[in-house]
């Protein structure tokens, strides 16, 4: 995270509790954050559990989170609480792209940004 430039620099991925080099060269990228998202992530980082890997979203114990646990414990629960139908976590990428197109963001930029890249 680069709080000053409001960017996330993706340089590694997490697979089976191990950090590794991303699968493709295009997966190594910078993600631009809106002012609001940068502020929210910064506030969260100040109160999230401390951890050795500088994770933004660690487990409550400060460890690496497991995708399946996050989906089952938090994502699906949040959907139910909001009265929304259950969808896959992957569906968020498509919703994000649709919202970004709706507000007039450049389609080529969206294609090359995090919303259209494999997150895992």
PDB file of N, CA and C in Angstrom:
ATOM      1  N   UNK A   1       0.845  -1.177   0.000  1.00  0.00           N
ATOM      2  CA  UNK A   1       0.000   0.000   0.000  1.00  0.00           C
ATOM      3  C   UNK A   1       0.890   1.240   0.000  1.00  0.00           C
ATOM      4  N   UNK A   2       0.585   2.135  -0.889  1.00  0.00           N
ATOM      5  CA  UNK A   2       1.261   3.419  -0.913  1.00  0.00           C
ATOM      6  C   UNK A   2       0.206   4.471  -0.598  1.00  0.00           C
ATOM      7  N   UNK A   3       0.217   4.898   0.653  1.00  0.00           N
ATOM      8  CA  UNK A   3      -0.823   5.816   1.128  1.00  0.00           C
ATOM      9  C   UNK A   3      -0.711   7.180   0.474  1.00  0.00           C
ATOM     10  N   UNK A   4       0.478   7.596   0.085  1.00  0.00           N
ATOM     11  CA  UNK A   4       0.667   8.928  -0.488  1.00  0.00           C
ATOM     12  C   UNK A   4       0.193   9.010  -1.935  1.00  0.00           C
ATOM     13  N   UNK A   5       0.499   7.993  -2.722  1.00  0.00           N
ATOM     14  CA  UNK A   5       0.052   8.005  -4.123  1.00  0.00           C
ATOM     15  C   UNK A   5      -1.330   7.376  -4.273  1.00  0.00           C
ATOM     16  N   UNK A   6      -1.881   6.867  -3.173  1.00  0.00           N
ATOM     17  CA  UNK A   6      -3.187   6.201  -3.171  1.00  0.00           C
ATOM     18  C   UNK A   6      -3.222   5.058  -4.181  1.00  0.00           C
ATOM     19  N   UNK A   7      -2.265   4.146  -4.026  1.00  0.00           N
ATOM     20  CA  UNK A   7      -2.175   2.987  -4.896  1.00  0.00           C
ATOM     21  C   UNK A   7      -1.836   1.740  -4.090  1.00  0.00           C
ATOM     22  N   UNK A   8      -2.310   0.644  -4.606  1.00  0.00           N
ATOM     23  CA  UNK A   8      -1.894  -0.663  -4.110  1.00  0.00           C
ATOM     24  C   UNK A   8      -0.935  -1.208  -5.157  1.00  0.00           C
ATOM     25  N   UNK A   9       0.248  -1.602  -4.748  1.00  0.00           N
ATOM     26  CA  UNK A   9       1.234  -2.186  -5.655  1.00  0.00           C
ATOM     27  C   UNK A   9       1.177  -3.706  -5.480  1.00  0.00           C
ATOM     28  N   UNK A  10       0.647  -4.384  -6.481  1.00  0.00           N
ATOM     29  CA  UNK A  10       0.525  -5.839  -6.425  1.00  0.00           C
ATOM     30  C   UNK A  10       1.825  -6.441  -6.925  1.00  0.00           C
ATOM     31  N   UNK A  11       2.528  -7.114  -6.016  1.00  0.00           N
ATOM     32  CA  UNK A  11       3.829  -7.710  -6.357  1.00  0.00           C
ATOM     33  C   UNK A  11       3.897  -9.192  -6.000  1.00  0.00           C
ATOM     34  N   UNK A  12       2.889  -9.662  -5.273  1.00  0.00           N
ATOM     35  CA  UNK A  12       2.880 -11.067  -4.855  1.00  0.00           C
ATOM     36  C   UNK A  12       1.431 -11.504  -4.698  1.00  0.00           C
ATOM     37  N   UNK A  13       1.236 -12.805  -4.671  1.00  0.00           N
ATOM     38  CA  UNK A  13      -0.095 -13.360  -4.457  1.00  0.00           C
ATOM     39  C   UNK A  13      -0.004 -14.390  -3.335  1.00  0.00           C
ATOM     40  N   UNK A  14      -1.140 -14.727  -2.802  1.00  0.00           N
ATOM     41  CA  UNK A  14      -1.203 -15.693  -1.713  1.00  0.00           C
ATOM     42  C   UNK A  14      -1.901 -16.942  -2.220  1.00  0.00           C
ATOM     43  N   UNK A  15      -1.225 -18.065  -2.107  1.00  0.00           N
ATOM     44  CA  UNK A  15      -1.791 -19.333  -2.542  1.00  0.00           C
ATOM     45  C   UNK A  15      -1.441 -20.390  -1.508  1.00  0.00           C
ATOM     46  N   UNK A  16      -2.473 -21.005  -0.960  1.00  0.00           N
ATOM     47  CA  UNK A  16      -2.291 -22.041   0.066  1.00  0.00           C
ATOM     48  C   UNK A  16      -1.381 -21.581   1.195  1.00  0.00           C
ATOM     49  N   UNK A  17      -1.674 -20.385   1.675  1.00  0.00           N
ATOM     50  CA  UNK A  17      -0.973 -19.814   2.824  1.00  0.00           C
ATOM     51  C   UNK A  17       0.497 -19.501   2.566  1.00  0.00           C
ATOM     52  N   UNK A  18       0.876 -19.384   1.296  1.00  0.00           N
ATOM     53  CA  UNK A  18       2.248 -19.048   0.928  1.00  0.00           C
ATOM     54  C   UNK A  18       2.237 -17.881  -0.058  1.00  0.00           C
ATOM     55  N   UNK A  19       3.127 -16.916   0.150  1.00  0.00           N
ATOM     56  CA  UNK A  19       3.283 -15.842  -0.822  1.00  0.00           C
ATOM     57  C   UNK A  19       4.098 -16.364  -1.989  1.00  0.00           C
ATOM     58  N   UNK A  20       3.703 -15.954  -3.181  1.00  0.00           N
ATOM     59  CA  UNK A  20       4.428 -16.352  -4.369  1.00  0.00           C
ATOM     60  C   UNK A  20       4.333 -15.250  -5.419  1.00  0.00           C
ATOM     61  N   UNK A  21       5.146 -15.374  -6.440  1.00  0.00           N
ATOM     62  CA  UNK A  21       5.113 -14.426  -7.541  1.00  0.00           C
ATOM     63  C   UNK A  21       3.800 -14.628  -8.298  1.00  0.00           C
ATOM     64  N   UNK A  22       3.134 -13.545  -8.717  1.00  0.00           N
ATOM     65  CA  UNK A  22       1.892 -13.708  -9.487  1.00  0.00           C
ATOM     66  C   UNK A  22       2.106 -14.547 -10.743  1.00  0.00           C
ATOM     67  N   UNK A  23       1.019 -15.163 -11.211  1.00  0.00           N
ATOM     68  CA  UNK A  23       1.100 -16.102 -12.328  1.00  0.00           C
ATOM     69  C   UNK A  23       1.536 -15.473 -13.642  1.00  0.00           C
ATOM     70  N   UNK A  24       1.146 -14.220 -13.865  1.00  0.00           N
ATOM     71  CA  UNK A  24       1.474 -13.571 -15.131  1.00  0.00           C
ATOM     72  C   UNK A  24       2.129 -12.219 -14.876  1.00  0.00           C
ATOM     73  N   UNK A  25       2.817 -11.701 -15.894  1.00  0.00           N
ATOM     74  CA  UNK A  25       3.438 -10.378 -15.773  1.00  0.00           C
ATOM     75  C   UNK A  25       2.383  -9.295 -15.576  1.00  0.00           C
ATOM     76  N   UNK A  26       1.224  -9.450 -16.225  1.00  0.00           N
ATOM     77  CA  UNK A  26       0.181  -8.426 -16.102  1.00  0.00           C
ATOM     78  C   UNK A  26      -0.452  -8.417 -14.712  1.00  0.00           C
ATOM     79  N   UNK A  27      -0.259  -9.490 -13.945  1.00  0.00           N
ATOM     80  CA  UNK A  27      -0.796  -9.526 -12.585  1.00  0.00           C
ATOM     81  C   UNK A  27       0.017  -8.638 -11.636  1.00  0.00           C
ATOM     82  N   UNK A  28       1.243  -8.318 -12.029  1.00  0.00           N
ATOM     83  CA  UNK A  28       2.056  -7.370 -11.254  1.00  0.00           C
ATOM     84  C   UNK A  28       1.638  -5.994 -11.742  1.00  0.00           C
ATOM     85  N   UNK A  29       0.940  -5.248 -10.872  1.00  0.00           N
ATOM     86  CA  UNK A  29       0.319  -4.017 -11.328  1.00  0.00           C
ATOM     87  C   UNK A  29       0.092  -3.055 -10.174  1.00  0.00           C
ATOM     88  N   UNK A  30      -0.293  -1.837 -10.531  1.00  0.00           N
ATOM     89  CA  UNK A  30      -0.675  -0.829  -9.554  1.00  0.00           C
ATOM     90  C   UNK A  30      -2.177  -0.611  -9.662  1.00  0.00           C
ATOM     91  N   UNK A  31      -2.827  -0.541  -8.517  1.00  0.00           N
ATOM     92  CA  UNK A  31      -4.268  -0.312  -8.469  1.00  0.00           C
ATOM     93  C   UNK A  31      -4.509   1.066  -7.884  1.00  0.00           C
ATOM     94  N   UNK A  32      -5.167   1.923  -8.654  1.00  0.00           N
ATOM     95  CA  UNK A  32      -5.492   3.260  -8.175  1.00  0.00           C
ATOM     96  C   UNK A  32      -6.672   3.205  -7.215  1.00  0.00           C
ATOM     97  N   UNK A  33      -6.576   3.961  -6.134  1.00  0.00           N
ATOM     98  CA  UNK A  33      -7.650   4.032  -5.148  1.00  0.00           C
ATOM     99  C   UNK A  33      -8.311   5.404  -5.207  1.00  0.00           C
ATOM    100  N   UNK A  34      -9.609   5.421  -4.961  1.00  0.00           N
ATOM    101  CA  UNK A  34     -10.280   6.706  -4.823  1.00  0.00           C
ATOM    102  C   UNK A  34      -9.860   7.309  -3.491  1.00  0.00           C
ATOM    103  N   UNK A  35     -10.065   8.605  -3.339  1.00  0.00           N
ATOM    104  CA  UNK A  35      -9.733   9.261  -2.069  1.00  0.00           C
ATOM    105  C   UNK A  35     -10.473   8.593  -0.914  1.00  0.00           C
ATOM    106  N   UNK A  36     -11.743   8.328  -1.123  1.00  0.00           N
ATOM    107  CA  UNK A  36     -12.557   7.721  -0.053  1.00  0.00           C
ATOM    108  C   UNK A  36     -12.060   6.329   0.319  1.00  0.00           C
ATOM    109  N   UNK A  37     -11.778   5.504  -0.683  1.00  0.00           N
ATOM    110  CA  UNK A  37     -11.300   4.150  -0.396  1.00  0.00           C
ATOM    111  C   UNK A  37      -9.943   4.191   0.292  1.00  0.00           C
ATOM    112  N   UNK A  38      -9.063   5.065  -0.149  1.00  0.00           N
ATOM    113  CA  UNK A  38      -7.753   5.195   0.499  1.00  0.00           C
ATOM    114  C   UNK A  38      -7.912   5.576   1.965  1.00  0.00           C
ATOM    115  N   UNK A  39      -8.812   6.517   2.256  1.00  0.00           N
ATOM    116  CA  UNK A  39      -9.064   6.918   3.655  1.00  0.00           C
ATOM    117  C   UNK A  39      -9.611   5.763   4.476  1.00  0.00           C
ATOM    118  N   UNK A  40     -10.597   5.055   3.922  1.00  0.00           N
ATOM    119  CA  UNK A  40     -11.219   3.935   4.643  1.00  0.00           C
ATOM    120  C   UNK A  40     -10.212   2.822   4.916  1.00  0.00           C
ATOM    121  N   UNK A  41      -9.400   2.502   3.933  1.00  0.00           N
ATOM    122  CA  UNK A  41      -8.385   1.465   4.133  1.00  0.00           C
ATOM    123  C   UNK A  41      -7.342   1.903   5.158  1.00  0.00           C
ATOM    124  N   UNK A  42      -6.997   3.175   5.153  1.00  0.00           N
ATOM    125  CA  UNK A  42      -6.025   3.683   6.119  1.00  0.00           C
ATOM    126  C   UNK A  42      -6.587   3.609   7.539  1.00  0.00           C
ATOM    127  N   UNK A  43      -7.821   4.010   7.697  1.00  0.00           N
ATOM    128  CA  UNK A  43      -8.466   3.931   9.020  1.00  0.00           C
ATOM    129  C   UNK A  43      -8.532   2.477   9.482  1.00  0.00           C
ATOM    130  N   UNK A  44      -8.920   1.586   8.573  1.00  0.00           N
ATOM    131  CA  UNK A  44      -8.980   0.170   8.920  1.00  0.00           C
ATOM    132  C   UNK A  44      -7.599  -0.360   9.309  1.00  0.00           C
ATOM    133  N   UNK A  45      -6.586   0.008   8.551  1.00  0.00           N
ATOM    134  CA  UNK A  45      -5.228  -0.473   8.830  1.00  0.00           C
ATOM    135  C   UNK A  45      -4.778  -0.081  10.231  1.00  0.00           C
ATOM    136  N   UNK A  46      -5.212   1.087  10.699  1.00  0.00           N
ATOM    137  CA  UNK A  46      -4.839   1.539  12.038  1.00  0.00           C
ATOM    138  C   UNK A  46      -5.470   0.707  13.152  1.00  0.00           C
ATOM    139  N   UNK A  47      -6.619   0.089  12.889  1.00  0.00           N
ATOM    140  CA  UNK A  47      -7.320  -0.659  13.940  1.00  0.00           C
ATOM    141  C   UNK A  47      -7.332  -2.169  13.721  1.00  0.00           C
ATOM    142  N   UNK A  48      -6.851  -2.626  12.550  1.00  0.00           N
ATOM    143  CA  UNK A  48      -6.881  -4.073  12.308  1.00  0.00           C
ATOM    144  C   UNK A  48      -5.810  -4.765  13.151  1.00  0.00           C
ATOM    145  N   UNK A  49      -5.971  -6.076  13.355  1.00  0.00           N
ATOM    146  CA  UNK A  49      -4.973  -6.802  14.150  1.00  0.00           C
ATOM    147  C   UNK A  49      -3.568  -6.657  13.572  1.00  0.00           C
ATOM    148  N   UNK A  50      -2.610  -6.459  14.440  1.00  0.00           N
ATOM    149  CA  UNK A  50      -1.223  -6.362  13.976  1.00  0.00           C
ATOM    150  C   UNK A  50      -0.764  -7.722  13.466  1.00  0.00           C
ATOM    151  N   UNK A  51       0.174  -7.689  12.514  1.00  0.00           N
ATOM    152  CA  UNK A  51       0.637  -8.941  11.932  1.00  0.00           C
ATOM    153  C   UNK A  51       2.015  -8.750  11.339  1.00  0.00           C
ATOM    154  N   UNK A  52       2.721  -9.842  11.189  1.00  0.00           N
ATOM    155  CA  UNK A  52       4.104  -9.823  10.701  1.00  0.00           C
ATOM    156  C   UNK A  52       4.217  -9.611   9.195  1.00  0.00           C
ATOM    157  N   UNK A  53       3.141  -9.845   8.436  1.00  0.00           N
ATOM    158  CA  UNK A  53       3.211  -9.781   6.978  1.00  0.00           C
ATOM    159  C   UNK A  53       2.654  -8.484   6.393  1.00  0.00           C
ATOM    160  N   UNK A  54       2.357  -7.512   7.253  1.00  0.00           N
ATOM    161  CA  UNK A  54       1.814  -6.235   6.800  1.00  0.00           C
ATOM    162  C   UNK A  54       0.531  -6.420   5.995  1.00  0.00           C
ATOM    163  N   UNK A  55      -0.321  -7.333   6.429  1.00  0.00           N
ATOM    164  CA  UNK A  55      -1.582  -7.616   5.746  1.00  0.00           C
ATOM    165  C   UNK A  55      -2.601  -6.539   6.071  1.00  0.00           C
ATOM    166  N   UNK A  56      -3.411  -6.193   5.093  1.00  0.00           N
ATOM    167  CA  UNK A  56      -4.474  -5.217   5.319  1.00  0.00           C
ATOM    168  C   UNK A  56      -5.693  -5.916   5.917  1.00  0.00           C
ATOM    169  N   UNK A  57      -5.917  -7.152   5.535  1.00  0.00           N
ATOM    170  CA  UNK A  57      -7.067  -7.905   6.038  1.00  0.00           C
ATOM    171  C   UNK A  57      -6.625  -9.221   6.674  1.00  0.00           C
ATOM    172  N   UNK A  58      -5.974  -9.140   7.819  1.00  0.00           N
ATOM    173  CA  UNK A  58      -5.578 -10.380   8.500  1.00  0.00           C
ATOM    174  C   UNK A  58      -6.773 -10.993   9.226  1.00  0.00           C
ATOM    175  N   UNK A  59      -6.587 -12.194   9.721  1.00  0.00           N
ATOM    176  CA  UNK A  59      -7.608 -12.813  10.564  1.00  0.00           C
ATOM    177  C   UNK A  59      -7.653 -12.050  11.891  1.00  0.00           C
ATOM    178  N   UNK A  60      -8.663 -12.293  12.711  1.00  0.00           N
ATOM    179  CA  UNK A  60      -8.704 -11.613  14.022  1.00  0.00           C
ATOM    180  C   UNK A  60      -7.454 -11.859  14.869  1.00  0.00           C
ATOM    181  N   UNK A  61      -6.732 -12.946  14.601  1.00  0.00           N
ATOM    182  CA  UNK A  61      -5.505 -13.252  15.334  1.00  0.00           C
ATOM    183  C   UNK A  61      -4.262 -12.671  14.658  1.00  0.00           C
ATOM    184  N   UNK A  62      -4.438 -11.933  13.552  1.00  0.00           N
ATOM    185  CA  UNK A  62      -3.301 -11.349  12.847  1.00  0.00           C
ATOM    186  C   UNK A  62      -2.625 -12.311  11.899  1.00  0.00           C
ATOM    187  N   UNK A  63      -3.286 -13.395  11.549  1.00  0.00           N
ATOM    188  CA  UNK A  63      -2.715 -14.398  10.632  1.00  0.00           C
ATOM    189  C   UNK A  63      -3.269 -14.202   9.225  1.00  0.00           C
ATOM    190  N   UNK A  64      -2.740 -14.947   8.262  1.00  0.00           N
ATOM    191  CA  UNK A  64      -3.263 -14.919   6.899  1.00  0.00           C
ATOM    192  C   UNK A  64      -4.665 -15.499   6.908  1.00  0.00           C
ATOM    193  N   UNK A  65      -5.557 -14.879   6.135  1.00  0.00           N
ATOM    194  CA  UNK A  65      -6.922 -15.394   6.042  1.00  0.00           C
ATOM    195  C   UNK A  65      -7.001 -16.430   4.931  1.00  0.00           C
ATOM    196  N   UNK A  66      -7.967 -17.328   5.065  1.00  0.00           N
ATOM    197  CA  UNK A  66      -8.198 -18.326   4.031  1.00  0.00           C
ATOM    198  C   UNK A  66      -9.461 -17.935   3.281  1.00  0.00           C
ATOM    199  N   UNK A  67      -9.379 -17.933   1.959  1.00  0.00           N
ATOM    200  CA  UNK A  67     -10.474 -17.488   1.105  1.00  0.00           C
ATOM    201  C   UNK A  67     -11.807 -18.126   1.487  1.00  0.00           C
ATOM    202  N   UNK A  68     -11.836 -19.452   1.624  1.00  0.00           N
ATOM    203  CA  UNK A  68     -13.094 -20.141   1.934  1.00  0.00           C
ATOM    204  C   UNK A  68     -13.691 -19.671   3.261  1.00  0.00           C
ATOM    205  N   UNK A  69     -12.842 -19.449   4.254  1.00  0.00           N
ATOM    206  CA  UNK A  69     -13.334 -18.980   5.547  1.00  0.00           C
ATOM    207  C   UNK A  69     -13.921 -17.579   5.447  1.00  0.00           C
ATOM    208  N   UNK A  70     -13.277 -16.705   4.700  1.00  0.00           N
ATOM    209  CA  UNK A  70     -13.773 -15.338   4.540  1.00  0.00           C
ATOM    210  C   UNK A  70     -15.131 -15.353   3.849  1.00  0.00           C
ATOM    211  N   UNK A  71     -15.249 -16.158   2.807  1.00  0.00           N
ATOM    212  CA  UNK A  71     -16.515 -16.226   2.075  1.00  0.00           C
ATOM    213  C   UNK A  71     -17.612 -16.779   2.977  1.00  0.00           C
ATOM    214  N   UNK A  72     -17.347 -17.880   3.653  1.00  0.00           N
ATOM    215  CA  UNK A  72     -18.375 -18.516   4.493  1.00  0.00           C
ATOM    216  C   UNK A  72     -18.732 -17.682   5.712  1.00  0.00           C
ATOM    217  N   UNK A  73     -17.750 -17.131   6.387  1.00  0.00           N
ATOM    218  CA  UNK A  73     -18.003 -16.427   7.645  1.00  0.00           C
ATOM    219  C   UNK A  73     -18.449 -14.984   7.470  1.00  0.00           C
ATOM    220  N   UNK A  74     -17.928 -14.296   6.483  1.00  0.00           N
ATOM    221  CA  UNK A  74     -18.185 -12.864   6.377  1.00  0.00           C
ATOM    222  C   UNK A  74     -18.977 -12.462   5.136  1.00  0.00           C
ATOM    223  N   UNK A  75     -18.531 -12.898   3.970  1.00  0.00           N
ATOM    224  CA  UNK A  75     -19.165 -12.463   2.732  1.00  0.00           C
ATOM    225  C   UNK A  75     -20.612 -12.944   2.651  1.00  0.00           C
ATOM    226  N   UNK A  76     -20.843 -14.249   2.802  1.00  0.00           N
ATOM    227  CA  UNK A  76     -22.206 -14.779   2.723  1.00  0.00           C
ATOM    228  C   UNK A  76     -23.087 -14.205   3.830  1.00  0.00           C
ATOM    229  N   UNK A  77     -22.514 -14.034   4.999  1.00  0.00           N
ATOM    230  CA  UNK A  77     -23.256 -13.444   6.116  1.00  0.00           C
ATOM    231  C   UNK A  77     -23.669 -12.004   5.804  1.00  0.00           C
ATOM    232  N   UNK A  78     -22.765 -11.242   5.211  1.00  0.00           N
ATOM    233  CA  UNK A  78     -23.068  -9.847   4.843  1.00  0.00           C
ATOM    234  C   UNK A  78     -24.166  -9.793   3.785  1.00  0.00           C
ATOM    235  N   UNK A  79     -24.128 -10.710   2.835  1.00  0.00           N
ATOM    236  CA  UNK A  79     -25.190 -10.758   1.821  1.00  0.00           C
ATOM    237  C   UNK A  79     -26.542 -11.028   2.465  1.00  0.00           C
ATOM    238  N   UNK A  80     -26.594 -12.008   3.376  1.00  0.00           N
ATOM    239  CA  UNK A  80     -27.855 -12.324   4.065  1.00  0.00           C
ATOM    240  C   UNK A  80     -28.353 -11.133   4.870  1.00  0.00           C
ATOM    241  N   UNK A  81     -27.449 -10.498   5.606  1.00  0.00           N
ATOM    242  CA  UNK A  81     -27.829  -9.350   6.433  1.00  0.00           C
ATOM    243  C   UNK A  81     -28.378  -8.201   5.596  1.00  0.00           C
ATOM    244  N   UNK A  82     -27.860  -8.045   4.387  1.00  0.00           N
ATOM    245  CA  UNK A  82     -28.306  -6.969   3.498  1.00  0.00           C
ATOM    246  C   UNK A  82     -29.550  -7.363   2.696  1.00  0.00           C
ATOM    247  N   UNK A  83     -29.987  -8.617   2.862  1.00  0.00           N
ATOM    248  CA  UNK A  83     -31.159  -9.085   2.128  1.00  0.00           C
ATOM    249  C   UNK A  83     -30.888  -9.332   0.655  1.00  0.00           C
ATOM    250  N   UNK A  84     -29.632  -9.624   0.332  1.00  0.00           N
ATOM    251  CA  UNK A  84     -29.247  -9.874  -1.058  1.00  0.00           C
ATOM    252  C   UNK A  84     -29.140 -11.365  -1.320  1.00  0.00           C
ATOM    253  N   UNK A  85     -29.346 -11.740  -2.578  1.00  0.00           N
ATOM    254  CA  UNK A  85     -29.206 -13.162  -2.918  1.00  0.00           C
ATOM    255  C   UNK A  85     -27.736 -13.555  -2.842  1.00  0.00           C
ATOM    256  N   UNK A  86     -27.502 -14.831  -2.595  1.00  0.00           N
ATOM    257  CA  UNK A  86     -26.130 -15.314  -2.502  1.00  0.00           C
ATOM    258  C   UNK A  86     -25.524 -15.404  -3.894  1.00  0.00           C
ATOM    259  N   UNK A  87     -24.369 -14.799  -4.047  1.00  0.00           N
ATOM    260  CA  UNK A  87     -23.623 -14.834  -5.307  1.00  0.00           C
ATOM    261  C   UNK A  87     -22.197 -15.245  -4.969  1.00  0.00           C
ATOM    262  N   UNK A  88     -21.453 -15.570  -5.988  1.00  0.00           N
ATOM    263  CA  UNK A  88     -20.061 -15.925  -5.743  1.00  0.00           C
ATOM    264  C   UNK A  88     -19.255 -14.660  -5.483  1.00  0.00           C
ATOM    265  N   UNK A  89     -18.175 -14.800  -4.759  1.00  0.00           N
ATOM    266  CA  UNK A  89     -17.296 -13.669  -4.487  1.00  0.00           C
ATOM    267  C   UNK A  89     -16.760 -13.112  -5.804  1.00  0.00           C
ATOM    268  N   UNK A  90     -16.526 -14.003  -6.750  1.00  0.00           N
ATOM    269  CA  UNK A  90     -16.021 -13.628  -8.076  1.00  0.00           C
ATOM    270  C   UNK A  90     -16.976 -12.648  -8.779  1.00  0.00           C
ATOM    271  N   UNK A  91     -18.267 -12.729  -8.484  1.00  0.00           N
ATOM    272  CA  UNK A  91     -19.256 -11.843  -9.110  1.00  0.00           C
ATOM    273  C   UNK A  91     -18.982 -10.377  -8.821  1.00  0.00           C
ATOM    274  N   UNK A  92     -18.294 -10.089  -7.738  1.00  0.00           N
ATOM    275  CA  UNK A  92     -17.989  -8.697  -7.411  1.00  0.00           C
ATOM    276  C   UNK A  92     -17.154  -8.039  -8.501  1.00  0.00           C
ATOM    277  N   UNK A  93     -16.312  -8.804  -9.152  1.00  0.00           N
ATOM    278  CA  UNK A  93     -15.491  -8.245 -10.231  1.00  0.00           C
ATOM    279  C   UNK A  93     -16.377  -7.708 -11.343  1.00  0.00           C
ATOM    280  N   UNK A  94     -17.424  -8.459 -11.681  1.00  0.00           N
ATOM    281  CA  UNK A  94     -18.326  -8.045 -12.753  1.00  0.00           C
ATOM    282  C   UNK A  94     -19.163  -6.834 -12.336  1.00  0.00           C
ATOM    283  N   UNK A  95     -19.631  -6.843 -11.109  1.00  0.00           N
ATOM    284  CA  UNK A  95     -20.390  -5.690 -10.606  1.00  0.00           C
ATOM    285  C   UNK A  95     -19.516  -4.447 -10.601  1.00  0.00           C
ATOM    286  N   UNK A  96     -18.285  -4.601 -10.149  1.00  0.00           N
ATOM    287  CA  UNK A  96     -17.362  -3.471 -10.108  1.00  0.00           C
ATOM    288  C   UNK A  96     -17.147  -2.901 -11.508  1.00  0.00           C
ATOM    289  N   UNK A  97     -16.922  -3.762 -12.475  1.00  0.00           N
ATOM    290  CA  UNK A  97     -16.704  -3.302 -13.848  1.00  0.00           C
ATOM    291  C   UNK A  97     -17.943  -2.573 -14.371  1.00  0.00           C
ATOM    292  N   UNK A  98     -19.123  -3.100 -14.077  1.00  0.00           N
ATOM    293  CA  UNK A  98     -20.357  -2.449 -14.530  1.00  0.00           C
ATOM    294  C   UNK A  98     -20.515  -1.060 -13.924  1.00  0.00           C
ATOM    295  N   UNK A  99     -20.247  -0.933 -12.633  1.00  0.00           N
ATOM    296  CA  UNK A  99     -20.337   0.373 -11.979  1.00  0.00           C
ATOM    297  C   UNK A  99     -19.337   1.357 -12.582  1.00  0.00           C
ATOM    298  N   UNK A 100     -18.133   0.880 -12.845  1.00  0.00           N
ATOM    299  CA  UNK A 100     -17.098   1.759 -13.383  1.00  0.00           C
ATOM    300  C   UNK A 100     -17.442   2.222 -14.803  1.00  0.00           C
ATOM    301  N   UNK A 101     -18.009   1.347 -15.605  1.00  0.00           N
ATOM    302  CA  UNK A 101     -18.456   1.740 -16.942  1.00  0.00           C
ATOM    303  C   UNK A 101     -19.591   2.755 -16.829  1.00  0.00           C
ATOM    304  N   UNK A 102     -20.507   2.519 -15.909  1.00  0.00           N
ATOM    305  CA  UNK A 102     -21.650   3.419 -15.707  1.00  0.00           C
ATOM    306  C   UNK A 102     -21.213   4.846 -15.373  1.00  0.00           C
ATOM    307  N   UNK A 103     -20.142   5.008 -14.614  1.00  0.00           N
ATOM    308  CA  UNK A 103     -19.679   6.356 -14.257  1.00  0.00           C
ATOM    309  C   UNK A 103     -18.703   6.925 -15.294  1.00  0.00           C
ATOM    310  N   UNK A 104     -18.513   6.199 -16.400  1.00  0.00           N
ATOM    311  CA  UNK A 104     -17.739   6.742 -17.506  1.00  0.00           C
ATOM    312  C   UNK A 104     -16.254   6.451 -17.500  1.00  0.00           C
ATOM    313  N   UNK A 105     -15.823   5.485 -16.708  1.00  0.00           N
ATOM    314  CA  UNK A 105     -14.397   5.167 -16.704  1.00  0.00           C
ATOM    315  C   UNK A 105     -14.027   4.475 -18.018  1.00  0.00           C
ATOM    316  N   UNK A 106     -12.836   4.720 -18.484  1.00  0.00           N
ATOM    317  CA  UNK A 106     -12.337   4.165 -19.729  1.00  0.00           C
ATOM    318  C   UNK A 106     -12.346   2.636 -19.673  1.00  0.00           C
ATOM    319  N   UNK A 107     -12.971   2.034 -20.673  1.00  0.00           N
ATOM    320  CA  UNK A 107     -13.120   0.573 -20.691  1.00  0.00           C
ATOM    321  C   UNK A 107     -11.763  -0.129 -20.755  1.00  0.00           C
ATOM    322  N   UNK A 108     -10.836   0.398 -21.511  1.00  0.00           N
ATOM    323  CA  UNK A 108      -9.508  -0.227 -21.614  1.00  0.00           C
ATOM    324  C   UNK A 108      -8.788  -0.173 -20.259  1.00  0.00           C
ATOM    325  N   UNK A 109      -8.957   0.950 -19.546  1.00  0.00           N
ATOM    326  CA  UNK A 109      -8.363   1.058 -18.207  1.00  0.00           C
ATOM    327  C   UNK A 109      -8.970   0.000 -17.282  1.00  0.00           C
ATOM    328  N   UNK A 110     -10.275  -0.157 -17.356  1.00  0.00           N
ATOM    329  CA  UNK A 110     -10.951  -1.165 -16.518  1.00  0.00           C
ATOM    330  C   UNK A 110     -10.435  -2.555 -16.859  1.00  0.00           C
ATOM    331  N   UNK A 111     -10.289  -2.827 -18.145  1.00  0.00           N
ATOM    332  CA  UNK A 111      -9.819  -4.142 -18.572  1.00  0.00           C
ATOM    333  C   UNK A 111      -8.453  -4.463 -17.975  1.00  0.00           C
ATOM    334  N   UNK A 112      -7.593  -3.471 -17.892  1.00  0.00           N
ATOM    335  CA  UNK A 112      -6.237  -3.695 -17.401  1.00  0.00           C
ATOM    336  C   UNK A 112      -6.096  -3.527 -15.901  1.00  0.00           C
ATOM    337  N   UNK A 113      -7.140  -3.116 -15.240  1.00  0.00           N
ATOM    338  CA  UNK A 113      -7.048  -2.855 -13.796  1.00  0.00           C
ATOM    339  C   UNK A 113      -7.442  -4.085 -12.997  1.00  0.00           C
ATOM    340  N   UNK A 114      -7.387  -3.943 -11.690  1.00  0.00           N
ATOM    341  CA  UNK A 114      -7.642  -5.060 -10.777  1.00  0.00           C
ATOM    342  C   UNK A 114      -9.009  -5.673 -10.959  1.00  0.00           C
ATOM    343  N   UNK A 115     -10.011  -4.912 -11.357  1.00  0.00           N
ATOM    344  CA  UNK A 115     -11.365  -5.446 -11.444  1.00  0.00           C
ATOM    345  C   UNK A 115     -11.469  -6.548 -12.479  1.00  0.00           C
ATOM    346  N   UNK A 116     -10.614  -6.509 -13.476  1.00  0.00           N
ATOM    347  CA  UNK A 116     -10.704  -7.485 -14.530  1.00  0.00           C
ATOM    348  C   UNK A 116      -9.589  -8.522 -14.483  1.00  0.00           C
ATOM    349  N   UNK A 117      -8.740  -8.441 -13.482  1.00  0.00           N
ATOM    350  CA  UNK A 117      -7.645  -9.395 -13.340  1.00  0.00           C
ATOM    351  C   UNK A 117      -8.050 -10.511 -12.384  1.00  0.00           C
ATOM    352  N   UNK A 118      -7.423 -11.616 -12.490  1.00  0.00           N
ATOM    353  CA  UNK A 118      -7.662 -12.711 -11.540  1.00  0.00           C
ATOM    354  C   UNK A 118      -7.149 -12.278 -10.180  1.00  0.00           C
ATOM    355  N   UNK A 119      -7.991 -12.422  -9.172  1.00  0.00           N
ATOM    356  CA  UNK A 119      -7.589 -12.015  -7.826  1.00  0.00           C
ATOM    357  C   UNK A 119      -6.913 -13.146  -7.084  1.00  0.00           C
ATOM    358  N   UNK A 120      -6.971 -14.322  -7.582  1.00  0.00           N
ATOM    359  CA  UNK A 120      -6.386 -15.447  -6.866  1.00  0.00           C
ATOM    360  C   UNK A 120      -5.442 -16.185  -7.770  1.00  0.00           C
TER     361      UNK A 120
END
